[in-house]
Amino acid sequence: MEQIYTNTAKMLKAISDPKRLQIVDMLSCGELCACKILEAFHITQPTLSHDMKLLVEAGLVNDRREGKNIYYSLNTETMKGLQAVLDTLFSEKADCICKKMCNCDYE
């Protein structure tokens, strides 16, 4: 379970920046060239490269090179997994950590 927390925190950290969250939202419509993402923001190309590197390393975004261009798309499997983990974390369940950590009986 500890690894799930670590992996989830890495993904959440990657999208905790409003610009990166907006990029993920943009990619939800489909694959985009880096040049199109860059047009949407008032940032430099190295700044975009840094942001995209964080998203790719977190497993949220896929990248592919075609000639001089880099294309980005959402990693839909990872996004579905993140959503499932968050749904689990934010809901009460029989083996909830709150019951284990504080030895409480909420029944």
C-alpha atoms as a PDB file:
ATOM      1  CA  MET A   1       0.000   0.000   0.000  1.00  0.00           C
ATOM      2  CA  GLU A   2       2.915   2.327   0.733  1.00  0.00           C
ATOM      3  CA  GLN A   3       3.989   2.137  -2.942  1.00  0.00           C
ATOM      4  CA  ILE A   4       0.480   3.176  -4.008  1.00  0.00           C
ATOM      5  CA  TYR A   5       0.777   6.294  -1.834  1.00  0.00           C
ATOM      6  CA  THR A   6       4.215   7.072  -3.275  1.00  0.00           C
ATOM      7  CA  ASN A   7       3.133   6.625  -6.898  1.00  0.00           C
ATOM      8  CA  THR A   8      -0.087   8.571  -6.395  1.00  0.00           C
ATOM      9  CA  ALA A   9       1.762  11.424  -4.693  1.00  0.00           C
ATOM     10  CA  LYS A  10       4.175  11.620  -7.650  1.00  0.00           C
ATOM     11  CA  MET A  11       1.285  11.903 -10.083  1.00  0.00           C
ATOM     12  CA  LEU A  12      -0.557  14.452  -7.967  1.00  0.00           C
ATOM     13  CA  LYS A  13       2.601  16.514  -7.598  1.00  0.00           C
ATOM     14  CA  ALA A  14       2.980  16.556 -11.384  1.00  0.00           C
ATOM     15  CA  ILE A  15      -0.531  17.949 -11.855  1.00  0.00           C
ATOM     16  CA  SER A  16      -0.475  20.227  -8.810  1.00  0.00           C
ATOM     17  CA  ASP A  17       0.759  23.079 -10.994  1.00  0.00           C
ATOM     18  CA  PRO A  18      -2.199  24.875 -12.634  1.00  0.00           C
ATOM     19  CA  LYS A  19      -0.450  25.041 -16.010  1.00  0.00           C
ATOM     20  CA  ARG A  20       0.327  21.325 -16.035  1.00  0.00           C
ATOM     21  CA  LEU A  21      -3.225  20.552 -14.971  1.00  0.00           C
ATOM     22  CA  GLN A  22      -4.461  22.657 -17.878  1.00  0.00           C
ATOM     23  CA  ILE A  23      -2.129  20.761 -20.223  1.00  0.00           C
ATOM     24  CA  VAL A  24      -3.633  17.471 -19.026  1.00  0.00           C
ATOM     25  CA  ASP A  25      -7.080  18.938 -19.670  1.00  0.00           C
ATOM     26  CA  MET A  26      -6.009  19.980 -23.184  1.00  0.00           C
ATOM     27  CA  LEU A  27      -4.685  16.479 -23.873  1.00  0.00           C
ATOM     28  CA  SER A  28      -7.996  14.956 -22.802  1.00  0.00           C
ATOM     29  CA  CYS A  29      -9.263  16.049 -26.237  1.00  0.00           C
ATOM     30  CA  GLY A  30      -6.525  14.105 -28.022  1.00  0.00           C
ATOM     31  CA  GLU A  31      -2.893  14.160 -29.029  1.00  0.00           C
ATOM     32  CA  LEU A  32      -1.211  17.546 -29.459  1.00  0.00           C
ATOM     33  CA  CYS A  33       2.072  18.719 -30.878  1.00  0.00           C
ATOM     34  CA  ALA A  34       4.298  20.544 -28.395  1.00  0.00           C
ATOM     35  CA  CYS A  35       4.068  23.607 -30.647  1.00  0.00           C
ATOM     36  CA  LYS A  36       0.277  23.738 -30.141  1.00  0.00           C
ATOM     37  CA  ILE A  37       0.629  23.439 -26.371  1.00  0.00           C
ATOM     38  CA  LEU A  38       3.260  26.169 -26.393  1.00  0.00           C
ATOM     39  CA  GLU A  39       0.907  28.494 -28.299  1.00  0.00           C
ATOM     40  CA  ALA A  40      -1.638  28.258 -25.465  1.00  0.00           C
ATOM     41  CA  PHE A  41       0.760  29.632 -22.835  1.00  0.00           C
ATOM     42  CA  HIS A  42       3.086  32.600 -22.453  1.00  0.00           C
ATOM     43  CA  ILE A  43       6.110  30.465 -21.596  1.00  0.00           C
ATOM     44  CA  THR A  44       9.401  29.522 -23.197  1.00  0.00           C
ATOM     45  CA  GLN A  45      10.070  26.231 -24.922  1.00  0.00           C
ATOM     46  CA  PRO A  46      12.474  25.083 -22.143  1.00  0.00           C
ATOM     47  CA  THR A  47       9.746  25.734 -19.552  1.00  0.00           C
ATOM     48  CA  LEU A  48       7.291  23.639 -21.547  1.00  0.00           C
ATOM     49  CA  SER A  49       9.901  20.898 -21.918  1.00  0.00           C
ATOM     50  CA  HIS A  50      10.357  20.831 -18.134  1.00  0.00           C
ATOM     51  CA  ASP A  51       6.605  20.653 -17.519  1.00  0.00           C
ATOM     52  CA  MET A  52       6.151  17.884 -20.079  1.00  0.00           C
ATOM     53  CA  LYS A  53       9.101  15.943 -18.661  1.00  0.00           C
ATOM     54  CA  LEU A  54       7.414  15.932 -15.238  1.00  0.00           C
ATOM     55  CA  LEU A  55       4.122  14.738 -16.718  1.00  0.00           C
ATOM     56  CA  VAL A  56       5.841  12.007 -18.752  1.00  0.00           C
ATOM     57  CA  GLU A  57       7.974  10.843 -15.810  1.00  0.00           C
ATOM     58  CA  ALA A  58       4.860  10.644 -13.643  1.00  0.00           C
ATOM     59  CA  GLY A  59       3.354   8.347 -16.272  1.00  0.00           C
ATOM     60  CA  LEU A  60       0.430  10.655 -16.981  1.00  0.00           C
ATOM     61  CA  VAL A  61       1.465  11.628 -20.500  1.00  0.00           C
ATOM     62  CA  ASN A  62       2.991   9.730 -23.426  1.00  0.00           C
ATOM     63  CA  ASP A  63       5.362  11.373 -25.866  1.00  0.00           C
ATOM     64  CA  ARG A  64       6.475  10.469 -29.354  1.00  0.00           C
ATOM     65  CA  ARG A  65       8.818  12.142 -31.791  1.00  0.00           C
ATOM     66  CA  GLU A  66       7.957  12.623 -35.429  1.00  0.00           C
ATOM     67  CA  GLY A  67      10.744  14.424 -37.257  1.00  0.00           C
ATOM     68  CA  LYS A  68      11.420  17.657 -35.373  1.00  0.00           C
ATOM     69  CA  ASN A  69       8.079  17.596 -33.577  1.00  0.00           C
ATOM     70  CA  ILE A  70       7.143  15.967 -30.301  1.00  0.00           C
ATOM     71  CA  TYR A  71       3.556  14.864 -29.822  1.00  0.00           C
ATOM     72  CA  TYR A  72       1.942  14.345 -26.442  1.00  0.00           C
ATOM     73  CA  SER A  73      -1.104  12.334 -25.433  1.00  0.00           C
ATOM     74  CA  LEU A  74      -2.675  11.248 -22.177  1.00  0.00           C
ATOM     75  CA  ASN A  75      -1.717   7.865 -20.822  1.00  0.00           C
ATOM     76  CA  THR A  76      -5.327   6.794 -20.416  1.00  0.00           C
ATOM     77  CA  GLU A  77      -4.508   3.624 -18.482  1.00  0.00           C
ATOM     78  CA  THR A  78      -2.524   5.571 -15.889  1.00  0.00           C
ATOM     79  CA  MET A  79      -5.244   8.217 -15.669  1.00  0.00           C
ATOM     80  CA  LYS A  80      -7.898   5.543 -15.091  1.00  0.00           C
ATOM     81  CA  GLY A  81      -5.678   3.981 -12.438  1.00  0.00           C
ATOM     82  CA  LEU A  82      -5.192   7.335 -10.709  1.00  0.00           C
ATOM     83  CA  GLN A  83      -8.920   7.938 -10.715  1.00  0.00           C
ATOM     84  CA  ALA A  84      -9.552   4.473  -9.256  1.00  0.00           C
ATOM     85  CA  VAL A  85      -6.969   4.982  -6.500  1.00  0.00           C
ATOM     86  CA  LEU A  86      -8.444   8.371  -5.590  1.00  0.00           C
ATOM     87  CA  ASP A  87     -11.954   6.911  -5.554  1.00  0.00           C
ATOM     88  CA  THR A  88     -10.727   4.231  -3.157  1.00  0.00           C
ATOM     89  CA  LEU A  89      -8.786   6.622  -0.941  1.00  0.00           C
ATOM     90  CA  PHE A  90     -11.693   9.037  -0.623  1.00  0.00           C
ATOM     91  CA  SER A  91     -14.296   6.466   0.338  1.00  0.00           C
ATOM     92  CA  GLU A  92     -14.973   4.532   3.502  1.00  0.00           C
ATOM     93  CA  LYS A  93     -14.269   0.847   3.321  1.00  0.00           C
ATOM     94  CA  ALA A  94     -14.104  -2.120   5.664  1.00  0.00           C
ATOM     95  CA  ASP A  95     -10.307  -2.071   5.895  1.00  0.00           C
ATOM     96  CA  CYS A  96     -10.028   1.735   5.996  1.00  0.00           C
ATOM     97  CA  ILE A  97      -6.674   3.073   7.186  1.00  0.00           C
ATOM     98  CA  CYS A  98      -8.422   5.314   9.714  1.00  0.00           C
ATOM     99  CA  LYS A  99      -9.563   2.213  11.594  1.00  0.00           C
ATOM    100  CA  LYS A 100      -6.112   0.641  11.487  1.00  0.00           C
ATOM    101  CA  MET A 101      -4.071   3.722  12.366  1.00  0.00           C
ATOM    102  CA  CYS A 102      -6.025   4.923  15.384  1.00  0.00           C
ATOM    103  CA  ASN A 103      -7.550   1.627  16.519  1.00  0.00           C
ATOM    104  CA  CYS A 104     -10.934   3.303  16.441  1.00  0.00           C
ATOM    105  CA  ASP A 105     -14.222   1.546  16.136  1.00  0.00           C
ATOM    106  CA  TYR A 106     -16.601   3.707  14.102  1.00  0.00           C
ATOM    107  CA  GLU A 107     -19.389   1.162  13.905  1.00  0.00           C
END
